[in-house]
């Protein structure tokens, strides 16, 4: 008798598919980026829906074309971008738990809102840990299924633990993020802020930037005209999450989860972490702008965000 395997067999990997947990911390001094989920809030809600621990590994997807077949009954949760999830060719919405049966096929057919989506499973996806994390960072070849830490491939098997009792629940609709709206990005000035002259800074905050297609897990690149400058970044220094680099052409580069750990471009400041997550969910050509806040206000906002709870409710049968 064939032993039952709990999990998904990947039939088609889709555009970008990786395993991510909360991240790989404590190694940036060695040039190793933290990685982790592009949208921490959606990642957290996916795990909360299944009562998983906060750092449980999930499957992160972008784009379309993912297709996987369940090799057992599974309790999963979907969260993040609406990338056209279908179960057995029937559309299913994110922000809810779903009971998948042995043989069912889960697919994605294209994005409507947002860029990054999450599939959590009860107990988490069981991939090898590297430096205390299951996160996949292809740029530095750490984590994942393959020696080069590339994205998930066809015929990979996503394994999990045996499943227990299923709870049908969803996130209350009024708490579900709305990715279709262009965000205003809250910005904290850094120590290089005053290297830029007053006229340039005024123009920076008045400019409506456009998200470019040259954006990925490393950074989001924005475009604008008329913001070139002659400011030198000086020596390379550490890069934080959400750092706003300004190359000579004046088009900002916002550093994200798989960023380089040091860099020499001048950095005008950084975004609130939740705003960097929100920016990562923007489709190309989305228009965004920046607004300045103080460090004290940023700390207060982030403290409230960290304490926020995401109310769940039982789904109707």
Protein backbone atom coordinates (compact mmCIF):
# COMPACT_ATOMS: atom_id res chain seq x y z
CA UNK A 1 0.00 0.00 0.00
CA UNK A 2 1.33 3.45 -0.94
CA UNK A 3 1.98 5.67 2.08
CA UNK A 4 -0.19 8.80 2.08
CA UNK A 5 1.78 12.02 1.53
CA UNK A 6 0.34 15.19 3.00
CA UNK A 7 0.70 18.22 0.78
CA UNK A 8 0.60 19.57 -2.78
CA UNK A 9 2.34 18.28 -5.88
CA UNK A 10 3.27 21.28 -8.04
CA UNK A 11 2.08 20.82 -11.63
CA UNK A 12 3.01 24.32 -12.82
CA UNK A 13 5.04 26.76 -10.70
CA UNK A 14 3.54 30.02 -11.97
CA UNK A 15 5.38 33.31 -12.35
CA UNK A 16 7.13 33.46 -8.96
CA UNK A 17 6.51 30.92 -6.19
CA UNK A 18 8.64 30.65 -3.04
CA UNK A 19 8.39 29.46 0.54
CA UNK A 20 8.61 32.30 3.08
CA UNK A 21 8.49 32.43 6.85
CA UNK A 22 8.94 35.56 8.96
CA UNK A 23 12.54 35.95 7.77
CA UNK A 24 16.19 35.20 8.44
CA UNK A 25 17.41 37.67 11.06
CA UNK A 26 20.81 38.32 12.63
CA UNK A 27 22.95 37.81 9.55
CA UNK A 28 23.02 41.16 7.76
CA UNK A 29 26.56 41.86 9.01
CA UNK A 30 27.60 38.93 6.78
CA UNK A 31 25.74 40.28 3.74
CA UNK A 32 22.72 37.98 4.16
CA UNK A 33 19.39 39.74 3.68
CA UNK A 34 16.46 38.82 5.97
CA UNK A 35 14.05 37.78 3.20
CA UNK A 36 10.56 36.94 4.44
CA UNK A 37 7.09 37.87 3.16
CA UNK A 38 6.62 40.82 0.85
CA UNK A 39 3.35 41.64 2.64
CA UNK A 40 3.82 40.89 6.32
CA UNK A 41 0.21 41.71 7.20
CA UNK A 42 -1.23 39.25 4.65
CA UNK A 43 1.31 36.63 5.74
CA UNK A 44 0.26 37.07 9.38
CA UNK A 45 -3.45 36.86 8.60
CA UNK A 46 -2.99 33.68 6.55
CA UNK A 47 -1.37 32.02 9.56
CA UNK A 48 -3.88 33.48 12.02
CA UNK A 49 -6.77 31.99 10.03
CA UNK A 50 -5.32 28.52 10.70
CA UNK A 51 -4.13 29.23 14.28
CA UNK A 52 -0.54 28.68 13.15
CA UNK A 53 2.43 30.19 14.99
CA UNK A 54 3.36 33.66 13.77
CA UNK A 55 6.56 32.50 12.03
CA UNK A 56 5.04 29.50 10.23
CA UNK A 57 6.20 29.05 6.62
CA UNK A 58 3.71 29.83 3.85
CA UNK A 59 3.78 29.70 0.06
CA UNK A 60 4.16 33.15 -1.51
CA UNK A 61 2.91 33.61 -5.09
CA UNK A 62 3.06 36.40 -7.64
CA UNK A 63 1.57 36.55 -11.13
CA UNK A 64 -0.42 33.66 -12.56
CA UNK A 65 -0.10 30.08 -13.80
CA UNK A 66 0.39 28.27 -10.47
CA UNK A 67 -1.21 24.83 -10.49
CA UNK A 68 -0.96 22.16 -7.79
CA UNK A 69 -2.80 18.99 -6.86
CA UNK A 70 -3.53 17.91 -3.30
CA UNK A 71 -2.18 14.47 -2.38
CA UNK A 72 -4.28 14.44 0.81
CA UNK A 73 -7.03 16.40 2.51
CA UNK A 74 -5.61 19.80 3.51
CA UNK A 75 -6.70 22.77 5.62
CA UNK A 76 -5.38 25.89 3.91
CA UNK A 77 -5.87 29.65 4.08
CA UNK A 78 -5.59 32.20 1.28
CA UNK A 79 -4.58 35.82 1.89
CA UNK A 80 -3.07 38.81 0.13
CA UNK A 81 -3.55 39.72 -3.51
CA UNK A 82 -6.52 38.49 -5.49
CA UNK A 83 -4.55 36.63 -8.18
CA UNK A 84 -7.47 34.60 -9.45
CA UNK A 85 -7.47 31.57 -7.15
CA UNK A 86 -9.57 28.66 -8.44
CA UNK A 87 -10.25 25.32 -6.77
CA UNK A 88 -11.29 22.69 -9.32
CA UNK A 89 -11.97 25.56 -11.78
CA UNK A 90 -14.32 27.30 -9.33
CA UNK A 91 -13.21 30.80 -8.19
CA UNK A 92 -12.31 31.22 -4.52
CA UNK A 93 -11.58 34.47 -2.70
CA UNK A 94 -8.63 35.26 -0.42
CA UNK A 95 -8.88 36.06 3.30
CA UNK A 96 -10.48 32.74 4.23
CA UNK A 97 -9.81 29.12 5.13
CA UNK A 98 -10.57 26.39 2.61
CA UNK A 99 -10.80 22.63 3.07
CA UNK A 100 -9.06 20.99 0.12
CA UNK A 101 -9.81 17.34 -0.64
CA UNK A 102 -7.43 14.66 -1.89
CA UNK A 103 -7.11 15.12 -5.66
CA UNK A 104 -8.36 18.73 -5.76
CA UNK A 105 -6.47 21.15 -8.01
CA UNK A 106 -5.68 24.71 -6.92
CA UNK A 107 -4.73 27.23 -9.62
CA UNK A 108 -4.15 30.96 -10.12
CA UNK A 109 -5.46 32.61 -13.28
CA UNK A 110 -4.31 36.22 -13.03
CA UNK A 111 -4.23 39.23 -10.75
CA UNK A 112 -7.06 41.63 -10.10
CA UNK A 113 -5.81 43.45 -7.00
CA UNK A 114 -2.30 43.39 -5.59
CA UNK A 115 0.85 41.49 -6.53
CA UNK A 116 1.68 38.99 -3.75
CA UNK A 117 -0.59 36.26 -2.39
CA UNK A 118 -0.19 33.60 0.29
CA UNK A 119 -1.20 29.98 0.75
CA UNK A 120 -0.83 28.84 4.33
CA UNK A 121 -1.40 25.26 5.44
CA UNK A 122 -2.23 24.00 8.90
CA UNK A 123 1.10 23.44 10.65
CA UNK A 124 3.13 25.09 7.88
CA UNK A 125 5.02 23.90 4.81
CA UNK A 126 7.85 21.59 5.87
CA UNK A 127 10.95 22.66 3.97
CA UNK A 128 14.55 22.55 5.26
CA UNK A 129 15.70 25.36 7.54
CA UNK A 130 18.80 27.33 6.60
CA UNK A 131 20.21 29.70 9.25
CA UNK A 132 17.07 29.19 11.34
CA UNK A 133 14.63 30.10 8.57
CA UNK A 134 12.69 28.41 5.77
CA UNK A 135 12.57 31.62 3.70
CA UNK A 136 13.77 31.38 0.11
CA UNK A 137 16.19 34.08 -1.09
CA UNK A 138 17.13 33.25 -4.71
CA UNK A 139 19.43 36.26 -5.07
CA UNK A 140 21.81 34.96 -2.39
CA UNK A 141 20.98 31.27 -3.01
CA UNK A 142 19.62 30.44 0.44
CA UNK A 143 16.60 28.32 1.38
CA UNK A 144 14.03 26.60 -0.76
CA UNK A 145 14.00 23.22 -2.45
CA UNK A 146 16.99 23.52 -4.76
CA UNK A 147 20.76 24.08 -4.31
CA UNK A 148 20.55 27.47 -6.04
CA UNK A 149 17.47 28.50 -3.99
CA UNK A 150 15.51 29.09 -7.17
CA UNK A 151 11.74 29.46 -7.11
CA UNK A 152 9.51 26.40 -6.85
CA UNK A 153 9.56 24.22 -9.97
CA UNK A 154 7.14 21.77 -11.59
CA UNK A 155 7.09 18.36 -9.84
CA UNK A 156 8.26 19.82 -6.52
CA UNK A 157 6.33 18.43 -3.57
CA UNK A 158 5.13 20.83 -0.86
CA UNK A 159 4.85 18.68 2.24
CA UNK A 160 3.04 19.39 5.47
CA UNK A 161 2.10 17.62 8.69
CA UNK A 162 -1.04 15.48 9.02
CA UNK A 163 -4.07 17.77 9.27
CA UNK A 164 -6.40 18.05 12.26
CA UNK A 165 -9.80 19.65 12.76
CA UNK A 166 -10.87 22.18 10.13
CA UNK A 167 -12.37 25.55 11.12
CA UNK A 168 -14.25 27.46 8.42
CA UNK A 169 -13.53 31.14 9.02
CA UNK A 170 -12.61 34.35 7.23
CA UNK A 171 -11.33 37.84 7.93
CA UNK A 172 -14.11 40.38 8.44
CA UNK A 173 -14.61 42.20 5.16
CA UNK A 174 -14.05 45.69 6.54
CA UNK A 175 -10.55 44.64 7.65
CA UNK A 176 -9.55 43.20 4.28
CA UNK A 177 -6.88 45.40 2.63
CA UNK A 178 -7.97 47.21 -0.51
CA UNK A 179 -5.04 47.03 -2.92
CA UNK A 180 -6.73 48.89 -5.78
CA UNK A 181 -6.18 52.32 -4.22
CA UNK A 182 -2.97 54.26 -4.87
CA UNK A 183 -1.13 54.67 -1.54
CA UNK A 184 0.39 57.75 0.03
CA UNK A 185 3.74 56.57 1.42
CA UNK A 186 4.66 57.83 4.88
CA UNK A 187 8.30 58.80 4.92
CA UNK A 188 10.79 59.34 7.77
CA UNK A 189 13.76 61.60 6.87
CA UNK A 190 17.21 60.09 7.36
CA UNK A 191 20.60 61.59 8.14
CA UNK A 192 21.27 62.30 4.42
CA UNK A 193 17.99 64.20 3.98
CA UNK A 194 19.65 67.61 4.35
CA UNK A 195 22.23 66.84 1.65
CA UNK A 196 19.45 67.64 -0.84
CA UNK A 197 18.64 71.31 -1.31
CA UNK A 198 15.30 72.76 -0.18
CA UNK A 199 13.94 73.25 -3.71
CA UNK A 200 14.65 69.61 -4.63
CA UNK A 201 12.99 68.34 -1.43
CA UNK A 202 9.91 70.47 -2.08
CA UNK A 203 9.68 69.09 -5.61
CA UNK A 204 10.15 65.52 -4.29
CA UNK A 205 7.08 65.76 -2.05
CA UNK A 206 5.00 67.40 -4.79
CA UNK A 207 5.84 64.74 -7.39
CA UNK A 208 3.54 61.87 -8.28
CA UNK A 209 5.77 58.88 -8.99
CA UNK A 210 4.93 55.83 -11.10
CA UNK A 211 5.71 52.23 -10.13
CA UNK A 212 7.82 50.64 -12.86
CA UNK A 213 7.87 47.07 -14.13
CA UNK A 214 11.47 46.80 -12.88
CA UNK A 215 10.32 45.86 -9.40
CA UNK A 216 10.81 42.58 -7.54
CA UNK A 217 11.52 41.11 -4.10
CA UNK A 218 14.68 43.21 -3.87
CA UNK A 219 13.21 46.66 -4.53
CA UNK A 220 10.46 48.74 -6.09
CA UNK A 221 11.71 51.25 -8.63
CA UNK A 222 9.74 54.43 -9.24
CA UNK A 223 10.00 56.80 -12.18
CA UNK A 224 9.68 60.56 -12.45
CA UNK A 225 11.12 63.36 -14.54
CA UNK A 226 12.99 66.48 -13.52
CA UNK A 227 14.40 65.23 -10.20
CA UNK A 228 18.02 64.61 -11.14
CA UNK A 229 20.63 65.74 -8.60
CA UNK A 230 24.37 65.86 -7.91
CA UNK A 231 24.36 64.56 -4.33
CA UNK A 232 27.00 61.95 -3.57
CA UNK A 233 26.15 59.03 -1.33
CA UNK A 234 29.68 58.82 0.07
CA UNK A 235 30.71 55.53 1.62
CA UNK A 236 28.58 52.41 1.42
CA UNK A 237 26.53 51.82 4.56
CA UNK A 238 23.86 49.51 5.89
CA UNK A 239 20.42 49.41 4.27
CA UNK A 240 17.21 49.07 6.27
CA UNK A 241 13.86 47.77 5.04
CA UNK A 242 12.01 50.54 3.21
CA UNK A 243 15.10 52.68 2.65
CA UNK A 244 14.55 55.25 -0.13
CA UNK A 245 17.62 55.47 -2.34
CA UNK A 246 17.93 58.36 -4.82
CA UNK A 247 20.24 57.66 -7.78
CA UNK A 248 21.44 60.55 -9.94
CA UNK A 249 18.39 60.43 -12.25
CA UNK A 250 16.15 61.19 -9.25
CA UNK A 251 13.93 58.10 -9.61
CA UNK A 252 13.63 56.53 -6.13
CA UNK A 253 14.49 52.90 -5.39
CA UNK A 254 12.71 51.53 -2.30
CA UNK A 255 14.53 48.56 -0.79
CA UNK A 256 12.48 45.53 0.23
CA UNK A 257 12.94 42.02 1.69
CA UNK A 258 15.70 40.70 -0.57
CA UNK A 259 17.64 43.99 -0.62
CA UNK A 260 21.40 44.25 -0.65
CA UNK A 261 22.56 44.77 2.93
CA UNK A 262 24.83 47.74 2.08
CA UNK A 263 24.73 50.40 -0.62
CA UNK A 264 26.25 53.70 -1.68
CA UNK A 265 23.37 55.62 -3.25
CA UNK A 266 22.28 58.60 -1.13
CA UNK A 267 19.30 57.66 1.04
CA UNK A 268 16.84 60.43 1.73
CA UNK A 269 15.07 58.40 4.42
CA UNK A 270 12.84 55.34 4.78
CA UNK A 271 9.19 54.30 4.66
CA UNK A 272 7.13 52.94 7.48
CA UNK A 273 7.41 49.13 7.19
CA UNK A 274 3.69 48.66 6.53
CA UNK A 275 3.84 51.28 3.77
CA UNK A 276 6.76 49.48 2.13
CA UNK A 277 4.63 46.31 2.23
CA UNK A 278 1.74 48.23 0.66
CA UNK A 279 4.02 49.59 -2.07
CA UNK A 280 5.14 46.03 -2.89
CA UNK A 281 1.50 45.18 -3.68
CA UNK A 282 1.22 47.93 -6.33
CA UNK A 283 0.95 46.98 -9.99
CA UNK A 284 3.23 48.69 -12.53
CA UNK A 285 2.03 52.19 -13.50
CA UNK A 286 0.36 52.76 -10.12
CA UNK A 287 0.90 56.38 -9.10
CA UNK A 288 2.22 57.05 -5.60
CA UNK A 289 3.50 60.02 -3.65
CA UNK A 290 5.36 60.60 -0.39
CA UNK A 291 4.38 62.46 2.75
CA UNK A 292 6.80 63.30 5.56
CA UNK A 293 6.21 62.25 9.18
CA UNK A 294 8.36 62.57 12.28
CA UNK A 295 10.21 59.71 13.93
CA UNK A 296 8.00 60.08 17.02
CA UNK A 297 4.81 59.82 14.94
CA UNK A 298 6.26 56.84 13.06
CA UNK A 299 7.01 55.03 16.32
CA UNK A 300 3.49 55.68 17.60
CA UNK A 301 1.88 54.50 14.34
CA UNK A 302 3.99 51.36 14.21
CA UNK A 303 3.29 50.55 17.87
CA UNK A 304 -0.46 50.71 17.23
CA UNK A 305 -0.06 48.63 14.06
CA UNK A 306 1.92 45.95 15.89
CA UNK A 307 -0.80 45.63 18.52
CA UNK A 308 -3.66 45.52 16.01
CA UNK A 309 -5.82 42.41 15.89
CA UNK A 310 -7.51 41.09 12.78
CA UNK A 311 -11.05 39.95 13.69
CA UNK A 312 -12.16 36.65 12.20
CA UNK A 313 -15.64 35.26 11.78
CA UNK A 314 -17.09 31.85 11.00
CA UNK A 315 -17.99 31.30 7.36
CA UNK A 316 -21.48 30.35 6.32
CA UNK A 317 -21.69 26.67 5.24
